[in-house]
């Protein structure tokens, strides 16, 4: 496996794991406080919808000329990755609350308890589970399809995502609790750096740039983006400390 393939697999795995943890928390909260049958039906319906999206989008992207595809995919990944990275930097600097699965679990259970009681079929549990899995799954599908189509490695990307889904679900079922110990905030930071790195690399290639060393430049490019991100975290922390000192 080449370095680019390894980076692709790690990126897809981490991004998928983060999204599945978030979806699992919501489904667990709804299912444990309402009806498991309706919640799982919502999960099944969402997975069917996601499968249809991948089946349609995958072949459509593969048919695009590689130069245009890399420009489109690279641009989308750059936008997507910068969004992840921006939030991760703010969380690491203390300017945004850390993602807390226990708090989300409690909020979802409280909301589920306030919803009208169900008899035969719990439409509330179905809808919440469907929405959670579909929204989080769409991000996974986007990453799998774009990474896989751009590199011609759809099976590798799909396998990395499937491994992440299986691992999170197995651990979650064993724990029967929100996966609060998963270092989700650190994983989101890593995913933001990885997606931004591939986004810069592929969008530049699609625009006609020739990188010295080809894919070998991915490692130093990643380290550069990571260093810049950590510098932003340090700068934001310092500014917050200075502001707090002046206010005091």
C-alpha atoms as a PDB file:
ATOM      1  CA  UNK A   1       0.000   0.000   0.000  1.00  0.00           C
ATOM      2  CA  UNK A   2       1.413   3.381  -1.028  1.00  0.00           C
ATOM      3  CA  UNK A   3       1.569   6.414   1.240  1.00  0.00           C
ATOM      4  CA  UNK A   4      -1.322   8.060  -0.599  1.00  0.00           C
ATOM      5  CA  UNK A   5      -3.450   4.927  -0.239  1.00  0.00           C
ATOM      6  CA  UNK A   6      -2.638   4.731   3.465  1.00  0.00           C
ATOM      7  CA  UNK A   7      -3.536   8.397   3.903  1.00  0.00           C
ATOM      8  CA  UNK A   8      -6.790   7.834   2.047  1.00  0.00           C
ATOM      9  CA  UNK A   9      -7.698   4.834   4.204  1.00  0.00           C
ATOM     10  CA  UNK A  10      -6.840   6.620   7.472  1.00  0.00           C
ATOM     11  CA  UNK A  11      -8.776   9.743   6.456  1.00  0.00           C
ATOM     12  CA  UNK A  12     -11.885   7.784   5.534  1.00  0.00           C
ATOM     13  CA  UNK A  13     -11.642   5.586   8.639  1.00  0.00           C
ATOM     14  CA  UNK A  14     -11.300   8.491  11.088  1.00  0.00           C
ATOM     15  CA  UNK A  15     -13.993  10.608   9.446  1.00  0.00           C
ATOM     16  CA  UNK A  16     -16.379   7.659   9.307  1.00  0.00           C
ATOM     17  CA  UNK A  17     -15.702   6.710  12.927  1.00  0.00           C
ATOM     18  CA  UNK A  18     -16.467  10.236  14.133  1.00  0.00           C
ATOM     19  CA  UNK A  19     -19.751  10.383  12.215  1.00  0.00           C
ATOM     20  CA  UNK A  20     -20.829   6.906  13.348  1.00  0.00           C
ATOM     21  CA  UNK A  21     -20.119   7.747  17.002  1.00  0.00           C
ATOM     22  CA  UNK A  22     -22.411  10.774  16.730  1.00  0.00           C
ATOM     23  CA  UNK A  23     -25.182   8.812  14.984  1.00  0.00           C
ATOM     24  CA  UNK A  24     -24.848   5.928  17.460  1.00  0.00           C
ATOM     25  CA  UNK A  25     -25.326   8.276  20.424  1.00  0.00           C
ATOM     26  CA  UNK A  26     -28.603   9.632  19.035  1.00  0.00           C
ATOM     27  CA  UNK A  27     -29.991   6.229  18.046  1.00  0.00           C
ATOM     28  CA  UNK A  28     -29.043   4.807  21.440  1.00  0.00           C
ATOM     29  CA  UNK A  29     -30.783   7.662  23.245  1.00  0.00           C
ATOM     30  CA  UNK A  30     -33.963   7.323  21.185  1.00  0.00           C
ATOM     31  CA  UNK A  31     -34.059   3.543  21.160  1.00  0.00           C
ATOM     32  CA  UNK A  32     -33.429   3.131  24.885  1.00  0.00           C
ATOM     33  CA  UNK A  33     -36.109   5.663  25.832  1.00  0.00           C
ATOM     34  CA  UNK A  34     -38.725   4.915  23.137  1.00  0.00           C
ATOM     35  CA  UNK A  35     -39.081   1.822  20.906  1.00  0.00           C
ATOM     36  CA  UNK A  36     -36.062  -0.022  19.620  1.00  0.00           C
ATOM     37  CA  UNK A  37     -38.025  -1.467  16.701  1.00  0.00           C
ATOM     38  CA  UNK A  38     -38.981   1.968  15.362  1.00  0.00           C
ATOM     39  CA  UNK A  39     -35.517   3.411  15.959  1.00  0.00           C
ATOM     40  CA  UNK A  40     -33.867   0.517  14.120  1.00  0.00           C
ATOM     41  CA  UNK A  41     -36.395   0.847  11.293  1.00  0.00           C
ATOM     42  CA  UNK A  42     -35.258   4.458  10.917  1.00  0.00           C
ATOM     43  CA  UNK A  43     -31.633   3.279  10.794  1.00  0.00           C
ATOM     44  CA  UNK A  44     -32.471   0.736   8.100  1.00  0.00           C
ATOM     45  CA  UNK A  45     -34.342   3.278   5.988  1.00  0.00           C
ATOM     46  CA  UNK A  46     -31.445   5.742   6.236  1.00  0.00           C
ATOM     47  CA  UNK A  47     -28.901   3.082   5.239  1.00  0.00           C
ATOM     48  CA  UNK A  48     -31.022   2.198   2.192  1.00  0.00           C
ATOM     49  CA  UNK A  49     -31.142   5.858   1.178  1.00  0.00           C
ATOM     50  CA  UNK A  50     -27.372   6.189   1.625  1.00  0.00           C
ATOM     51  CA  UNK A  51     -26.754   3.077  -0.479  1.00  0.00           C
ATOM     52  CA  UNK A  52     -28.828   4.628  -3.278  1.00  0.00           C
ATOM     53  CA  UNK A  53     -26.850   7.885  -3.061  1.00  0.00           C
ATOM     54  CA  UNK A  54     -23.519   6.053  -3.309  1.00  0.00           C
ATOM     55  CA  UNK A  55     -24.769   3.848  -6.158  1.00  0.00           C
ATOM     56  CA  UNK A  56     -25.805   6.911  -8.155  1.00  0.00           C
ATOM     57  CA  UNK A  57     -23.005   9.337  -7.269  1.00  0.00           C
ATOM     58  CA  UNK A  58     -20.092   6.890  -7.550  1.00  0.00           C
ATOM     59  CA  UNK A  59     -20.452   5.969 -11.253  1.00  0.00           C
ATOM     60  CA  UNK A  60     -21.345   9.577 -12.112  1.00  0.00           C
ATOM     61  CA  UNK A  61     -18.069  10.871 -10.667  1.00  0.00           C
ATOM     62  CA  UNK A  62     -15.973   8.112 -12.204  1.00  0.00           C
ATOM     63  CA  UNK A  63     -17.135   9.183 -15.654  1.00  0.00           C
ATOM     64  CA  UNK A  64     -15.716  12.708 -15.271  1.00  0.00           C
ATOM     65  CA  UNK A  65     -12.259  13.380 -16.845  1.00  0.00           C
ATOM     66  CA  UNK A  66      -9.563  12.950 -14.193  1.00  0.00           C
ATOM     67  CA  UNK A  67      -8.311  16.548 -14.355  1.00  0.00           C
ATOM     68  CA  UNK A  68     -11.765  18.030 -13.920  1.00  0.00           C
ATOM     69  CA  UNK A  69     -12.587  15.413 -11.263  1.00  0.00           C
ATOM     70  CA  UNK A  70      -9.534  16.295  -9.181  1.00  0.00           C
ATOM     71  CA  UNK A  71     -10.337  19.994  -9.394  1.00  0.00           C
ATOM     72  CA  UNK A  72     -13.951  19.423  -8.294  1.00  0.00           C
ATOM     73  CA  UNK A  73     -13.188  16.835  -5.636  1.00  0.00           C
ATOM     74  CA  UNK A  74     -10.160  18.722  -4.343  1.00  0.00           C
ATOM     75  CA  UNK A  75     -12.165  21.932  -4.056  1.00  0.00           C
ATOM     76  CA  UNK A  76     -14.994  20.185  -2.217  1.00  0.00           C
ATOM     77  CA  UNK A  77     -12.599  18.412   0.132  1.00  0.00           C
ATOM     78  CA  UNK A  78     -10.790  21.684   0.806  1.00  0.00           C
ATOM     79  CA  UNK A  79     -14.047  23.420   1.745  1.00  0.00           C
ATOM     80  CA  UNK A  80     -15.198  20.444   3.784  1.00  0.00           C
ATOM     81  CA  UNK A  81     -11.828  19.962   5.482  1.00  0.00           C
ATOM     82  CA  UNK A  82     -11.448  23.640   6.371  1.00  0.00           C
ATOM     83  CA  UNK A  83     -14.868  23.564   8.045  1.00  0.00           C
ATOM     84  CA  UNK A  84     -13.780  20.602  10.183  1.00  0.00           C
ATOM     85  CA  UNK A  85     -10.414  22.195  10.891  1.00  0.00           C
ATOM     86  CA  UNK A  86     -11.877  25.582  11.836  1.00  0.00           C
ATOM     87  CA  UNK A  87     -14.183  24.019  14.431  1.00  0.00           C
ATOM     88  CA  UNK A  88     -11.396  21.770  15.719  1.00  0.00           C
ATOM     89  CA  UNK A  89      -9.042  24.741  16.153  1.00  0.00           C
ATOM     90  CA  UNK A  90     -11.696  26.709  18.027  1.00  0.00           C
ATOM     91  CA  UNK A  91     -12.391  23.722  20.311  1.00  0.00           C
ATOM     92  CA  UNK A  92      -8.703  23.118  20.973  1.00  0.00           C
ATOM     93  CA  UNK A  93      -8.221  26.806  21.808  1.00  0.00           C
ATOM     94  CA  UNK A  94     -11.188  26.844  24.199  1.00  0.00           C
ATOM     95  CA  UNK A  95     -13.194  29.253  22.033  1.00  0.00           C
ATOM     96  CA  UNK A  96     -15.834  26.610  21.283  1.00  0.00           C
ATOM     97  CA  UNK A  97     -17.263  23.925  23.544  1.00  0.00           C
ATOM     98  CA  UNK A  98     -15.820  20.439  23.121  1.00  0.00           C
ATOM     99  CA  UNK A  99     -18.083  17.838  21.555  1.00  0.00           C
ATOM    100  CA  UNK A 100     -19.600  15.901  24.479  1.00  0.00           C
ATOM    101  CA  UNK A 101     -21.409  12.641  23.676  1.00  0.00           C
ATOM    102  CA  UNK A 102     -22.752  12.278  27.232  1.00  0.00           C
ATOM    103  CA  UNK A 103     -24.372  15.713  27.057  1.00  0.00           C
ATOM    104  CA  UNK A 104     -25.858  14.972  23.632  1.00  0.00           C
ATOM    105  CA  UNK A 105     -27.172  11.631  24.899  1.00  0.00           C
ATOM    106  CA  UNK A 106     -28.864  13.325  27.856  1.00  0.00           C
ATOM    107  CA  UNK A 107     -30.399  16.018  25.626  1.00  0.00           C
ATOM    108  CA  UNK A 108     -31.767  13.448  23.169  1.00  0.00           C
ATOM    109  CA  UNK A 109     -33.274  11.338  25.963  1.00  0.00           C
ATOM    110  CA  UNK A 110     -34.895  14.402  27.472  1.00  0.00           C
ATOM    111  CA  UNK A 111     -36.370  15.406  24.111  1.00  0.00           C
ATOM    112  CA  UNK A 112     -37.587  11.850  23.498  1.00  0.00           C
ATOM    113  CA  UNK A 113     -39.307  11.794  26.884  1.00  0.00           C
ATOM    114  CA  UNK A 114     -41.226  14.979  26.033  1.00  0.00           C
ATOM    115  CA  UNK A 115     -42.472  13.641  22.681  1.00  0.00           C
ATOM    116  CA  UNK A 116     -45.999  12.122  22.527  1.00  0.00           C
ATOM    117  CA  UNK A 117     -46.164   8.494  23.587  1.00  0.00           C
ATOM    118  CA  UNK A 118     -46.326   5.904  20.813  1.00  0.00           C
ATOM    119  CA  UNK A 119     -48.567   2.843  20.505  1.00  0.00           C
ATOM    120  CA  UNK A 120     -47.789   0.463  17.673  1.00  0.00           C
ATOM    121  CA  UNK A 121     -45.244   2.482  15.711  1.00  0.00           C
ATOM    122  CA  UNK A 122     -43.120   5.280  17.135  1.00  0.00           C
ATOM    123  CA  UNK A 123     -42.908   7.856  14.358  1.00  0.00           C
ATOM    124  CA  UNK A 124     -40.767  10.134  16.541  1.00  0.00           C
ATOM    125  CA  UNK A 125     -38.131   7.472  17.161  1.00  0.00           C
ATOM    126  CA  UNK A 126     -38.139   6.500  13.479  1.00  0.00           C
ATOM    127  CA  UNK A 127     -37.742  10.100  12.298  1.00  0.00           C
ATOM    128  CA  UNK A 128     -34.962  11.026  14.741  1.00  0.00           C
ATOM    129  CA  UNK A 129     -32.973   7.862  14.022  1.00  0.00           C
ATOM    130  CA  UNK A 130     -33.475   8.236  10.278  1.00  0.00           C
ATOM    131  CA  UNK A 131     -32.337  11.866  10.317  1.00  0.00           C
ATOM    132  CA  UNK A 132     -29.295  11.166  12.495  1.00  0.00           C
ATOM    133  CA  UNK A 133     -28.028   8.262  10.411  1.00  0.00           C
ATOM    134  CA  UNK A 134     -28.822   9.959   7.102  1.00  0.00           C
ATOM    135  CA  UNK A 135     -27.135  13.273   7.942  1.00  0.00           C
ATOM    136  CA  UNK A 136     -24.029  11.718   9.479  1.00  0.00           C
ATOM    137  CA  UNK A 137     -23.976   9.038   6.802  1.00  0.00           C
ATOM    138  CA  UNK A 138     -24.105  11.571   3.978  1.00  0.00           C
ATOM    139  CA  UNK A 139     -20.794  12.994   5.176  1.00  0.00           C
ATOM    140  CA  UNK A 140     -19.303   9.490   5.203  1.00  0.00           C
ATOM    141  CA  UNK A 141     -20.732   8.781   1.737  1.00  0.00           C
ATOM    142  CA  UNK A 142     -19.337  12.073   0.436  1.00  0.00           C
ATOM    143  CA  UNK A 143     -15.841  11.259   1.681  1.00  0.00           C
ATOM    144  CA  UNK A 144     -15.955   7.654   0.422  1.00  0.00           C
ATOM    145  CA  UNK A 145     -17.197   8.610  -3.027  1.00  0.00           C
ATOM    146  CA  UNK A 146     -14.938  11.624  -3.543  1.00  0.00           C
ATOM    147  CA  UNK A 147     -11.781   9.989  -2.209  1.00  0.00           C
ATOM    148  CA  UNK A 148     -12.473   6.718  -3.974  1.00  0.00           C
ATOM    149  CA  UNK A 149     -13.484   8.179  -7.342  1.00  0.00           C
ATOM    150  CA  UNK A 150     -10.573  10.611  -7.461  1.00  0.00           C
ATOM    151  CA  UNK A 151      -7.989   7.918  -6.753  1.00  0.00           C
ATOM    152  CA  UNK A 152      -9.794   5.021  -8.398  1.00  0.00           C
ATOM    153  CA  UNK A 153      -9.882   3.410  -4.948  1.00  0.00           C
ATOM    154  CA  UNK A 154     -13.592   3.163  -4.191  1.00  0.00           C
ATOM    155  CA  UNK A 155     -13.228  -0.386  -2.736  1.00  0.00           C
ATOM    156  CA  UNK A 156     -10.423   0.767  -0.413  1.00  0.00           C
ATOM    157  CA  UNK A 157     -12.394   3.810   0.759  1.00  0.00           C
ATOM    158  CA  UNK A 158     -15.544   1.723   1.243  1.00  0.00           C
ATOM    159  CA  UNK A 159     -13.601  -0.907   3.192  1.00  0.00           C
ATOM    160  CA  UNK A 160     -12.109   1.737   5.506  1.00  0.00           C
ATOM    161  CA  UNK A 161     -15.569   3.194   6.138  1.00  0.00           C
ATOM    162  CA  UNK A 162     -17.099  -0.242   6.711  1.00  0.00           C
ATOM    163  CA  UNK A 163     -14.347  -1.101   9.203  1.00  0.00           C
ATOM    164  CA  UNK A 164     -15.000   2.133  11.112  1.00  0.00           C
ATOM    165  CA  UNK A 165     -18.755   1.481  11.195  1.00  0.00           C
ATOM    166  CA  UNK A 166     -18.321  -2.116  12.366  1.00  0.00           C
ATOM    167  CA  UNK A 167     -15.794  -1.189  15.053  1.00  0.00           C
ATOM    168  CA  UNK A 168     -17.858   1.663  16.497  1.00  0.00           C
ATOM    169  CA  UNK A 169     -21.091  -0.352  16.486  1.00  0.00           C
ATOM    170  CA  UNK A 170     -19.446  -3.388  18.108  1.00  0.00           C
ATOM    171  CA  UNK A 171     -17.819  -1.285  20.830  1.00  0.00           C
ATOM    172  CA  UNK A 172     -21.056   0.635  21.361  1.00  0.00           C
ATOM    173  CA  UNK A 173     -23.145  -2.524  21.660  1.00  0.00           C
ATOM    174  CA  UNK A 174     -20.641  -3.983  24.117  1.00  0.00           C
ATOM    175  CA  UNK A 175     -20.652  -0.820  26.234  1.00  0.00           C
ATOM    176  CA  UNK A 176     -24.396  -0.135  25.846  1.00  0.00           C
ATOM    177  CA  UNK A 177     -23.580   3.503  26.514  1.00  0.00           C
ATOM    178  CA  UNK A 178     -22.448   6.618  24.617  1.00  0.00           C
ATOM    179  CA  UNK A 179     -18.849   6.300  23.460  1.00  0.00           C
ATOM    180  CA  UNK A 180     -17.685   9.255  25.504  1.00  0.00           C
ATOM    181  CA  UNK A 181     -14.149   7.899  25.872  1.00  0.00           C
ATOM    182  CA  UNK A 182     -13.493   8.023  22.150  1.00  0.00           C
ATOM    183  CA  UNK A 183     -11.076  10.946  21.556  1.00  0.00           C
ATOM    184  CA  UNK A 184     -13.591  12.473  19.168  1.00  0.00           C
ATOM    185  CA  UNK A 185     -12.307  16.048  19.332  1.00  0.00           C
ATOM    186  CA  UNK A 186      -8.731  14.964  18.565  1.00  0.00           C
ATOM    187  CA  UNK A 187     -10.012  12.759  15.741  1.00  0.00           C
ATOM    188  CA  UNK A 188     -11.923  15.679  14.231  1.00  0.00           C
ATOM    189  CA  UNK A 189      -8.755  17.774  14.355  1.00  0.00           C
ATOM    190  CA  UNK A 190      -6.856  15.009  12.551  1.00  0.00           C
ATOM    191  CA  UNK A 191      -9.587  14.592   9.945  1.00  0.00           C
ATOM    192  CA  UNK A 192      -9.643  18.341   9.312  1.00  0.00           C
ATOM    193  CA  UNK A 193      -5.894  18.341   8.688  1.00  0.00           C
ATOM    194  CA  UNK A 194      -6.072  15.270   6.432  1.00  0.00           C
ATOM    195  CA  UNK A 195      -9.007  16.490   4.333  1.00  0.00           C
ATOM    196  CA  UNK A 196      -7.432  19.920   3.936  1.00  0.00           C
ATOM    197  CA  UNK A 197      -4.151  18.341   2.856  1.00  0.00           C
ATOM    198  CA  UNK A 198      -5.754  16.176   0.183  1.00  0.00           C
ATOM    199  CA  UNK A 199      -7.988  19.078  -0.841  1.00  0.00           C
ATOM    200  CA  UNK A 200      -5.012  21.375  -1.450  1.00  0.00           C
ATOM    201  CA  UNK A 201      -3.093  18.652  -3.281  1.00  0.00           C
ATOM    202  CA  UNK A 202      -5.882  17.459  -5.587  1.00  0.00           C
ATOM    203  CA  UNK A 203      -7.413  20.866  -6.355  1.00  0.00           C
ATOM    204  CA  UNK A 204      -3.961  22.177  -7.292  1.00  0.00           C
ATOM    205  CA  UNK A 205      -3.331  19.165  -9.531  1.00  0.00           C
ATOM    206  CA  UNK A 206      -6.731  19.632 -11.154  1.00  0.00           C
ATOM    207  CA  UNK A 207      -5.852  23.279 -11.841  1.00  0.00           C
ATOM    208  CA  UNK A 208      -2.665  22.200 -13.614  1.00  0.00           C
ATOM    209  CA  UNK A 209      -0.073  22.425 -10.830  1.00  0.00           C
ATOM    210  CA  UNK A 210       2.750  19.883 -10.931  1.00  0.00           C
ATOM    211  CA  UNK A 211       3.929  19.062  -7.414  1.00  0.00           C
ATOM    212  CA  UNK A 212       7.653  18.290  -7.028  1.00  0.00           C
ATOM    213  CA  UNK A 213       7.937  14.625  -6.120  1.00  0.00           C
ATOM    214  CA  UNK A 214       4.282  13.940  -6.901  1.00  0.00           C
ATOM    215  CA  UNK A 215       2.435  12.202  -4.067  1.00  0.00           C
ATOM    216  CA  UNK A 216       5.607  12.281  -1.947  1.00  0.00           C
ATOM    217  CA  UNK A 217       4.816  15.932  -1.194  1.00  0.00           C
ATOM    218  CA  UNK A 218       1.680  14.898   0.753  1.00  0.00           C
ATOM    219  CA  UNK A 219       3.650  14.206   3.958  1.00  0.00           C
ATOM    220  CA  UNK A 220       5.431  17.598   4.179  1.00  0.00           C
ATOM    221  CA  UNK A 221       2.231  19.342   3.073  1.00  0.00           C
ATOM    222  CA  UNK A 222       0.335  17.631   5.896  1.00  0.00           C
ATOM    223  CA  UNK A 223       3.006  18.626   8.416  1.00  0.00           C
ATOM    224  CA  UNK A 224       2.859  22.230   7.189  1.00  0.00           C
ATOM    225  CA  UNK A 225      -0.938  22.394   7.582  1.00  0.00           C
ATOM    226  CA  UNK A 226      -0.709  20.714  11.006  1.00  0.00           C
ATOM    227  CA  UNK A 227       1.958  23.190  12.160  1.00  0.00           C
ATOM    228  CA  UNK A 228      -0.116  26.143  10.939  1.00  0.00           C
ATOM    229  CA  UNK A 229      -3.204  24.784  12.703  1.00  0.00           C
ATOM    230  CA  UNK A 230      -1.369  24.288  15.989  1.00  0.00           C
ATOM    231  CA  UNK A 231       0.057  27.815  15.681  1.00  0.00           C
ATOM    232  CA  UNK A 232      -3.500  29.132  15.309  1.00  0.00           C
ATOM    233  CA  UNK A 233      -4.553  27.220  18.425  1.00  0.00           C
ATOM    234  CA  UNK A 234      -1.653  28.705  20.384  1.00  0.00           C
ATOM    235  CA  UNK A 235      -2.412  32.210  19.113  1.00  0.00           C
ATOM    236  CA  UNK A 236      -6.109  31.962  19.973  1.00  0.00           C
ATOM    237  CA  UNK A 237      -5.331  30.660  23.470  1.00  0.00           C
ATOM    238  CA  UNK A 238      -2.912  33.541  24.044  1.00  0.00           C
ATOM    239  CA  UNK A 239      -5.480  36.096  22.863  1.00  0.00           C
ATOM    240  CA  UNK A 240      -8.137  34.597  25.132  1.00  0.00           C
ATOM    241  CA  UNK A 241      -5.745  34.722  28.082  1.00  0.00           C
ATOM    242  CA  UNK A 242      -4.855  38.350  27.351  1.00  0.00           C
ATOM    243  CA  UNK A 243      -8.518  39.298  27.003  1.00  0.00           C
ATOM    244  CA  UNK A 244      -9.371  37.570  30.292  1.00  0.00           C
ATOM    245  CA  UNK A 245      -6.475  39.369  32.022  1.00  0.00           C
ATOM    246  CA  UNK A 246      -7.598  42.769  30.739  1.00  0.00           C
ATOM    247  CA  UNK A 247     -11.221  42.091  31.737  1.00  0.00           C
ATOM    248  CA  UNK A 248     -10.140  41.102  35.247  1.00  0.00           C
END
